[in-house]
PDB file of N, CA and C in Angstrom:
ATOM      1  N   UNK A   1     116.523 120.490 119.154  1.00  0.00           N
ATOM      2  CA  UNK A   1     116.737 119.127 118.472  1.00  0.00           C
ATOM      3  C   UNK A   1     115.392 118.481 118.091  1.00  0.00           C
ATOM      4  N   UNK A   2     114.182 118.693 118.731  1.00  0.00           N
ATOM      5  CA  UNK A   2     113.007 118.163 118.476  1.00  0.00           C
ATOM      6  C   UNK A   2     112.402 118.915 117.231  1.00  0.00           C
ATOM      7  N   UNK A   3     112.583 120.118 117.116  1.00  0.00           N
ATOM      8  CA  UNK A   3     112.254 120.861 115.924  1.00  0.00           C
ATOM      9  C   UNK A   3     112.946 120.437 114.740  1.00  0.00           C
ATOM     10  N   UNK A   4     114.086 120.128 114.790  1.00  0.00           N
ATOM     11  CA  UNK A   4     114.853 119.403 113.634  1.00  0.00           C
ATOM     12  C   UNK A   4     114.438 118.250 113.162  1.00  0.00           C
ATOM     13  N   UNK A   5     114.156 117.384 114.212  1.00  0.00           N
ATOM     14  CA  UNK A   5     113.499 116.093 113.868  1.00  0.00           C
ATOM     15  C   UNK A   5     112.257 116.291 113.249  1.00  0.00           C
ATOM     16  N   UNK A   6     111.374 117.170 113.735  1.00  0.00           N
ATOM     17  CA  UNK A   6     110.028 117.274 112.985  1.00  0.00           C
ATOM     18  C   UNK A   6     110.185 117.854 111.671  1.00  0.00           C
ATOM     19  N   UNK A   7     111.086 118.716 111.439  1.00  0.00           N
ATOM     20  CA  UNK A   7     111.218 119.415 110.117  1.00  0.00           C
ATOM     21  C   UNK A   7     111.698 118.243 109.160  1.00  0.00           C
ATOM     22  N   UNK A   8     112.677 117.402 109.686  1.00  0.00           N
ATOM     23  CA  UNK A   8     113.194 116.261 108.829  1.00  0.00           C
ATOM     24  C   UNK A   8     112.037 115.382 108.465  1.00  0.00           C
ATOM     25  N   UNK A   9     111.249 115.039 109.433  1.00  0.00           N
ATOM     26  CA  UNK A   9     110.124 114.124 109.123  1.00  0.00           C
ATOM     27  C   UNK A   9     109.120 114.747 108.165  1.00  0.00           C
ATOM     28  N   UNK A  10     108.943 116.048 108.282  1.00  0.00           N
ATOM     29  CA  UNK A  10     107.956 116.653 107.366  1.00  0.00           C
ATOM     30  C   UNK A  10     108.458 116.772 105.916  1.00  0.00           C
ATOM     31  N   UNK A  11     109.773 117.211 105.643  1.00  0.00           N
ATOM     32  CA  UNK A  11     110.336 117.273 104.319  1.00  0.00           C
ATOM     33  C   UNK A  11     110.827 115.935 103.760  1.00  0.00           C
ATOM     34  N   UNK A  12     111.032 114.834 104.416  1.00  0.00           N
ATOM     35  CA  UNK A  12     111.503 113.670 103.832  1.00  0.00           C
ATOM     36  C   UNK A  12     110.362 112.457 103.844  1.00  0.00           C
ATOM     37  N   UNK A  13     109.249 112.804 104.767  1.00  0.00           N
ATOM     38  CA  UNK A  13     108.358 111.644 104.850  1.00  0.00           C
ATOM     39  C   UNK A  13     106.971 112.202 104.476  1.00  0.00           C
ATOM     40  N   UNK A  14     106.471 113.149 105.177  1.00  0.00           N
ATOM     41  CA  UNK A  14     105.079 113.593 104.903  1.00  0.00           C
ATOM     42  C   UNK A  14     104.799 114.385 103.744  1.00  0.00           C
ATOM     43  N   UNK A  15     105.533 115.286 103.307  1.00  0.00           N
ATOM     44  CA  UNK A  15     105.397 116.122 102.259  1.00  0.00           C
ATOM     45  C   UNK A  15     105.481 115.247 100.924  1.00  0.00           C
ATOM     46  N   UNK A  16     106.464 114.383 100.723  1.00  0.00           N
ATOM     47  CA  UNK A  16     106.320 113.584  99.601  1.00  0.00           C
ATOM     48  C   UNK A  16     105.224 112.648  99.363  1.00  0.00           C
ATOM     49  N   UNK A  17     104.675 112.127 100.555  1.00  0.00           N
ATOM     50  CA  UNK A  17     103.538 111.312 100.571  1.00  0.00           C
ATOM     51  C   UNK A  17     102.367 111.977 100.142  1.00  0.00           C
ATOM     52  N   UNK A  18     102.082 113.211 100.733  1.00  0.00           N
ATOM     53  CA  UNK A  18     101.106 113.973 100.329  1.00  0.00           C
ATOM     54  C   UNK A  18     101.037 114.313  98.714  1.00  0.00           C
ATOM     55  N   UNK A  19     102.268 114.607  98.198  1.00  0.00           N
ATOM     56  CA  UNK A  19     102.437 114.904  96.875  1.00  0.00           C
ATOM     57  C   UNK A  19     102.028 113.714  96.067  1.00  0.00           C
ATOM     58  N   UNK A  20     102.448 112.477  96.376  1.00  0.00           N
ATOM     59  CA  UNK A  20     102.023 111.294  95.749  1.00  0.00           C
ATOM     60  C   UNK A  20     100.541 111.035  95.793  1.00  0.00           C
ATOM     61  N   UNK A  21      99.925 111.312  96.865  1.00  0.00           N
ATOM     62  CA  UNK A  21      98.472 111.014  97.070  1.00  0.00           C
ATOM     63  C   UNK A  21      97.753 112.063  96.161  1.00  0.00           C
ATOM     64  N   UNK A  22      98.295 113.285  96.049  1.00  0.00           N
ATOM     65  CA  UNK A  22      97.676 114.385  95.148  1.00  0.00           C
ATOM     66  C   UNK A  22      97.591 113.788  93.791  1.00  0.00           C
ATOM     67  N   UNK A  23      98.935 113.404  93.349  1.00  0.00           N
ATOM     68  CA  UNK A  23      99.012 112.956  91.878  1.00  0.00           C
ATOM     69  C   UNK A  23      98.193 111.715  91.625  1.00  0.00           C
ATOM     70  N   UNK A  24      97.907 110.857  92.431  1.00  0.00           N
ATOM     71  CA  UNK A  24      97.177 109.741  92.234  1.00  0.00           C
ATOM     72  C   UNK A  24      95.736 110.113  92.216  1.00  0.00           C
ATOM     73  N   UNK A  25      95.253 111.071  93.088  1.00  0.00           N
ATOM     74  CA  UNK A  25      93.808 111.563  93.070  1.00  0.00           C
ATOM     75  C   UNK A  25      93.622 112.127  91.537  1.00  0.00           C
ATOM     76  N   UNK A  26      94.639 112.937  91.054  1.00  0.00           N
ATOM     77  CA  UNK A  26      94.271 113.528  89.787  1.00  0.00           C
ATOM     78  C   UNK A  26      94.386 112.543  88.636  1.00  0.00           C
ATOM     79  N   UNK A  27      95.197 111.472  88.836  1.00  0.00           N
ATOM     80  CA  UNK A  27      95.108 110.423  87.816  1.00  0.00           C
ATOM     81  C   UNK A  27      93.781 109.749  87.918  1.00  0.00           C
ATOM     82  N   UNK A  28      93.279 109.404  88.977  1.00  0.00           N
ATOM     83  CA  UNK A  28      92.016 108.635  89.182  1.00  0.00           C
ATOM     84  C   UNK A  28      90.735 109.451  88.699  1.00  0.00           C
ATOM     85  N   UNK A  29      90.872 110.887  88.781  1.00  0.00           N
ATOM     86  CA  UNK A  29      89.762 111.673  88.435  1.00  0.00           C
ATOM     87  C   UNK A  29      89.871 112.163  86.836  1.00  0.00           C
ATOM     88  N   UNK A  30      91.020 111.734  86.214  1.00  0.00           N
ATOM     89  CA  UNK A  30      91.221 111.943  84.768  1.00  0.00           C
ATOM     90  C   UNK A  30      90.917 110.697  83.919  1.00  0.00           C
ATOM     91  N   UNK A  31      90.567 109.618  84.414  1.00  0.00           N
ATOM     92  CA  UNK A  31      90.395 108.415  83.694  1.00  0.00           C
ATOM     93  C   UNK A  31      89.244 108.543  82.577  1.00  0.00           C
ATOM     94  N   UNK A  32      89.594 107.994  81.501  1.00  0.00           N
ATOM     95  CA  UNK A  32      88.435 108.045  80.443  1.00  0.00           C
ATOM     96  C   UNK A  32      88.299 106.823  79.741  1.00  0.00           C
ATOM     97  N   UNK A  33      87.214 106.520  78.994  1.00  0.00           N
ATOM     98  CA  UNK A  33      87.046 105.332  78.277  1.00  0.00           C
ATOM     99  C   UNK A  33      88.274 104.912  77.320  1.00  0.00           C
ATOM    100  N   UNK A  34      88.721 103.772  77.403  1.00  0.00           N
ATOM    101  CA  UNK A  34      89.784 103.345  76.441  1.00  0.00           C
ATOM    102  C   UNK A  34      91.129 103.276  77.076  1.00  0.00           C
ATOM    103  N   UNK A  35      91.291 103.929  78.411  1.00  0.00           N
ATOM    104  CA  UNK A  35      92.554 103.891  78.950  1.00  0.00           C
ATOM    105  C   UNK A  35      92.726 102.520  79.595  1.00  0.00           C
ATOM    106  N   UNK A  36      93.980 102.134  79.659  1.00  0.00           N
ATOM    107  CA  UNK A  36      94.350 100.683  80.196  1.00  0.00           C
ATOM    108  C   UNK A  36      95.000 100.817  81.483  1.00  0.00           C
ATOM    109  N   UNK A  37      94.393 100.347  82.605  1.00  0.00           N
ATOM    110  CA  UNK A  37      94.767 100.658  84.000  1.00  0.00           C
ATOM    111  C   UNK A  37      95.333  99.379  84.556  1.00  0.00           C
ATOM    112  N   UNK A  38      95.908  99.670  85.704  1.00  0.00           N
ATOM    113  CA  UNK A  38      96.051  98.559  86.709  1.00  0.00           C
ATOM    114  C   UNK A  38      95.573  98.962  87.967  1.00  0.00           C
ATOM    115  N   UNK A  39      95.085  98.060  88.872  1.00  0.00           N
ATOM    116  CA  UNK A  39      94.579  98.375  90.059  1.00  0.00           C
ATOM    117  C   UNK A  39      95.567  97.939  91.200  1.00  0.00           C
ATOM    118  N   UNK A  40      95.231  98.333  92.416  1.00  0.00           N
ATOM    119  CA  UNK A  40      96.153  97.890  93.623  1.00  0.00           C
ATOM    120  C   UNK A  40      96.238  96.552  93.678  1.00  0.00           C
ATOM    121  N   UNK A  41      95.260  95.773  93.229  1.00  0.00           N
ATOM    122  CA  UNK A  41      95.332  94.311  93.403  1.00  0.00           C
ATOM    123  C   UNK A  41      96.012  93.671  92.294  1.00  0.00           C
ATOM    124  N   UNK A  42      96.471  94.449  91.410  1.00  0.00           N
ATOM    125  CA  UNK A  42      97.215  93.858  90.202  1.00  0.00           C
ATOM    126  C   UNK A  42      96.391  93.361  89.090  1.00  0.00           C
ATOM    127  N   UNK A  43      95.220  93.871  89.075  1.00  0.00           N
ATOM    128  CA  UNK A  43      94.243  93.643  87.985  1.00  0.00           C
ATOM    129  C   UNK A  43      94.404  94.517  86.714  1.00  0.00           C
ATOM    130  N   UNK A  44      94.718  94.062  85.579  1.00  0.00           N
ATOM    131  CA  UNK A  44      94.847  94.988  84.449  1.00  0.00           C
ATOM    132  C   UNK A  44      93.520  95.018  83.609  1.00  0.00           C
ATOM    133  N   UNK A  45      93.220  96.042  83.054  1.00  0.00           N
ATOM    134  CA  UNK A  45      91.973  96.166  82.311  1.00  0.00           C
ATOM    135  C   UNK A  45      91.825  97.392  81.466  1.00  0.00           C
ATOM    136  N   UNK A  46      90.968  97.412  80.572  1.00  0.00           N
ATOM    137  CA  UNK A  46      90.678  98.651  79.809  1.00  0.00           C
ATOM    138  C   UNK A  46      89.310  99.290  80.303  1.00  0.00           C
ATOM    139  N   UNK A  47      89.241 100.515  80.587  1.00  0.00           N
ATOM    140  CA  UNK A  47      88.097 101.237  80.953  1.00  0.00           C
ATOM    141  C   UNK A  47      87.040 101.216  79.910  1.00  0.00           C
ATOM    142  N   UNK A  48      85.838 100.843  80.287  1.00  0.00           N
ATOM    143  CA  UNK A  48      84.666 100.719  79.277  1.00  0.00           C
ATOM    144  C   UNK A  48      83.847 101.734  79.657  1.00  0.00           C
ATOM    145  N   UNK A  49      83.472 102.086  80.920  1.00  0.00           N
ATOM    146  CA  UNK A  49      82.527 103.018  81.290  1.00  0.00           C
ATOM    147  C   UNK A  49      83.032 103.709  82.621  1.00  0.00           C
ATOM    148  N   UNK A  50      82.858 105.040  82.637  1.00  0.00           N
ATOM    149  CA  UNK A  50      83.276 105.843  83.872  1.00  0.00           C
ATOM    150  C   UNK A  50      82.026 106.417  84.489  1.00  0.00           C
ATOM    151  N   UNK A  51      81.963 106.025  85.713  1.00  0.00           N
ATOM    152  CA  UNK A  51      80.970 106.539  86.716  1.00  0.00           C
ATOM    153  C   UNK A  51      81.436 107.498  87.536  1.00  0.00           C
ATOM    154  N   UNK A  52      80.663 108.252  88.436  1.00  0.00           N
ATOM    155  CA  UNK A  52      81.084 109.096  89.328  1.00  0.00           C
ATOM    156  C   UNK A  52      82.190 108.465  90.390  1.00  0.00           C
ATOM    157  N   UNK A  53      81.761 107.199  90.957  1.00  0.00           N
ATOM    158  CA  UNK A  53      82.613 106.756  91.928  1.00  0.00           C
ATOM    159  C   UNK A  53      82.999 105.349  91.500  1.00  0.00           C
ATOM    160  N   UNK A  54      82.596 104.872  90.461  1.00  0.00           N
ATOM    161  CA  UNK A  54      83.025 103.489  89.989  1.00  0.00           C
ATOM    162  C   UNK A  54      83.427 103.513  88.466  1.00  0.00           C
ATOM    163  N   UNK A  55      84.188 102.456  88.094  1.00  0.00           N
ATOM    164  CA  UNK A  55      84.454 102.239  86.767  1.00  0.00           C
ATOM    165  C   UNK A  55      84.201 100.928  86.339  1.00  0.00           C
ATOM    166  N   UNK A  56      83.710 100.509  85.120  1.00  0.00           N
ATOM    167  CA  UNK A  56      83.725  99.266  84.520  1.00  0.00           C
ATOM    168  C   UNK A  56      84.882  99.072  83.779  1.00  0.00           C
ATOM    169  N   UNK A  57      85.635  98.007  84.030  1.00  0.00           N
ATOM    170  CA  UNK A  57      86.784  97.659  83.191  1.00  0.00           C
ATOM    171  C   UNK A  57      86.622  96.268  82.581  1.00  0.00           C
ATOM    172  N   UNK A  58      87.122  95.990  81.372  1.00  0.00           N
ATOM    173  CA  UNK A  58      87.166  94.956  80.597  1.00  0.00           C
ATOM    174  C   UNK A  58      88.560  94.150  80.968  1.00  0.00           C
ATOM    175  N   UNK A  59      88.513  93.045  81.434  1.00  0.00           N
ATOM    176  CA  UNK A  59      89.696  92.272  82.019  1.00  0.00           C
ATOM    177  C   UNK A  59      90.025  91.131  80.909  1.00  0.00           C
ATOM    178  N   UNK A  60      88.951  90.843  80.271  1.00  0.00           N
ATOM    179  CA  UNK A  60      89.029  89.697  79.169  1.00  0.00           C
ATOM    180  C   UNK A  60      87.845  89.922  78.200  1.00  0.00           C
ATOM    181  N   UNK A  61      87.866  89.191  76.996  1.00  0.00           N
ATOM    182  CA  UNK A  61      86.722  89.400  76.101  1.00  0.00           C
ATOM    183  C   UNK A  61      85.451  88.960  76.795  1.00  0.00           C
ATOM    184  N   UNK A  62      84.350  89.777  76.804  1.00  0.00           N
ATOM    185  CA  UNK A  62      83.059  89.474  77.330  1.00  0.00           C
ATOM    186  C   UNK A  62      83.215  89.341  78.903  1.00  0.00           C
ATOM    187  N   UNK A  63      84.197  89.969  79.605  1.00  0.00           N
ATOM    188  CA  UNK A  63      84.329  89.874  80.963  1.00  0.00           C
ATOM    189  C   UNK A  63      84.539  91.338  81.639  1.00  0.00           C
ATOM    190  N   UNK A  64      83.529  91.883  81.941  1.00  0.00           N
ATOM    191  CA  UNK A  64      83.544  93.283  82.437  1.00  0.00           C
ATOM    192  C   UNK A  64      83.459  93.255  84.082  1.00  0.00           C
ATOM    193  N   UNK A  65      84.187  94.108  84.720  1.00  0.00           N
ATOM    194  CA  UNK A  65      84.093  94.125  86.189  1.00  0.00           C
ATOM    195  C   UNK A  65      84.070  95.526  86.605  1.00  0.00           C
ATOM    196  N   UNK A  66      83.150  95.675  87.597  1.00  0.00           N
ATOM    197  CA  UNK A  66      82.821  97.053  88.129  1.00  0.00           C
ATOM    198  C   UNK A  66      83.828  97.248  89.367  1.00  0.00           C
ATOM    199  N   UNK A  67      84.492  98.212  89.373  1.00  0.00           N
ATOM    200  CA  UNK A  67      85.483  98.519  90.548  1.00  0.00           C
ATOM    201  C   UNK A  67      85.436  99.999  91.024  1.00  0.00           C
ATOM    202  N   UNK A  68      85.874 100.170  92.210  1.00  0.00           N
ATOM    203  CA  UNK A  68      85.901 101.494  92.714  1.00  0.00           C
ATOM    204  C   UNK A  68      86.803 102.400  92.175  1.00  0.00           C
ATOM    205  N   UNK A  69      86.617 103.623  91.767  1.00  0.00           N
ATOM    206  CA  UNK A  69      87.660 104.419  91.280  1.00  0.00           C
ATOM    207  C   UNK A  69      88.874 104.641  91.861  1.00  0.00           C
ATOM    208  N   UNK A  70      88.857 104.608  93.204  1.00  0.00           N
ATOM    209  CA  UNK A  70      89.941 104.661  94.126  1.00  0.00           C
ATOM    210  C   UNK A  70      90.888 103.374  94.101  1.00  0.00           C
ATOM    211  N   UNK A  71      90.455 102.358  93.496  1.00  0.00           N
ATOM    212  CA  UNK A  71      91.257 101.208  93.561  1.00  0.00           C
ATOM    213  C   UNK A  71      92.214 101.190  92.312  1.00  0.00           C
ATOM    214  N   UNK A  72      92.268 102.241  91.477  1.00  0.00           N
ATOM    215  CA  UNK A  72      93.034 102.418  90.377  1.00  0.00           C
ATOM    216  C   UNK A  72      94.577 102.886  90.830  1.00  0.00           C
ATOM    217  N   UNK A  73      95.528 102.067  90.520  1.00  0.00           N
ATOM    218  CA  UNK A  73      96.917 102.493  90.969  1.00  0.00           C
ATOM    219  C   UNK A  73      97.627 103.498  89.904  1.00  0.00           C
ATOM    220  N   UNK A  74      97.208 103.085  88.691  1.00  0.00           N
ATOM    221  CA  UNK A  74      97.946 103.847  87.650  1.00  0.00           C
ATOM    222  C   UNK A  74      97.586 103.362  86.312  1.00  0.00           C
ATOM    223  N   UNK A  75      98.234 103.927  85.185  1.00  0.00           N
ATOM    224  CA  UNK A  75      98.077 103.549  83.870  1.00  0.00           C
ATOM    225  C   UNK A  75      99.021 102.562  83.512  1.00  0.00           C
ATOM    226  N   UNK A  76      98.571 101.535  82.821  1.00  0.00           N
ATOM    227  CA  UNK A  76      99.336 100.343  82.479  1.00  0.00           C
ATOM    228  C   UNK A  76     100.289 100.871  81.184  1.00  0.00           C
ATOM    229  N   UNK A  77     101.392 100.309  81.330  1.00  0.00           N
ATOM    230  CA  UNK A  77     102.274 100.648  80.200  1.00  0.00           C
ATOM    231  C   UNK A  77     102.428  99.575  79.209  1.00  0.00           C
TER     232      UNK A  77
END
């Protein structure tokens, strides 16, 4: 019974979360200048400069913000 519970948790909880984390990491590593992104805090902006660990995004005209690359949630639609 315990083995079945562990298998259930692996296939329905742990494995999908690992897959989502891997996809998010690939997205964060593939960002380029000109992409429109959204951060985990809900900030929308256009990527202006890409660094190794940080991004500079433009959130309004003449307003650039430096953010951590890992704070990017996804590409804005």
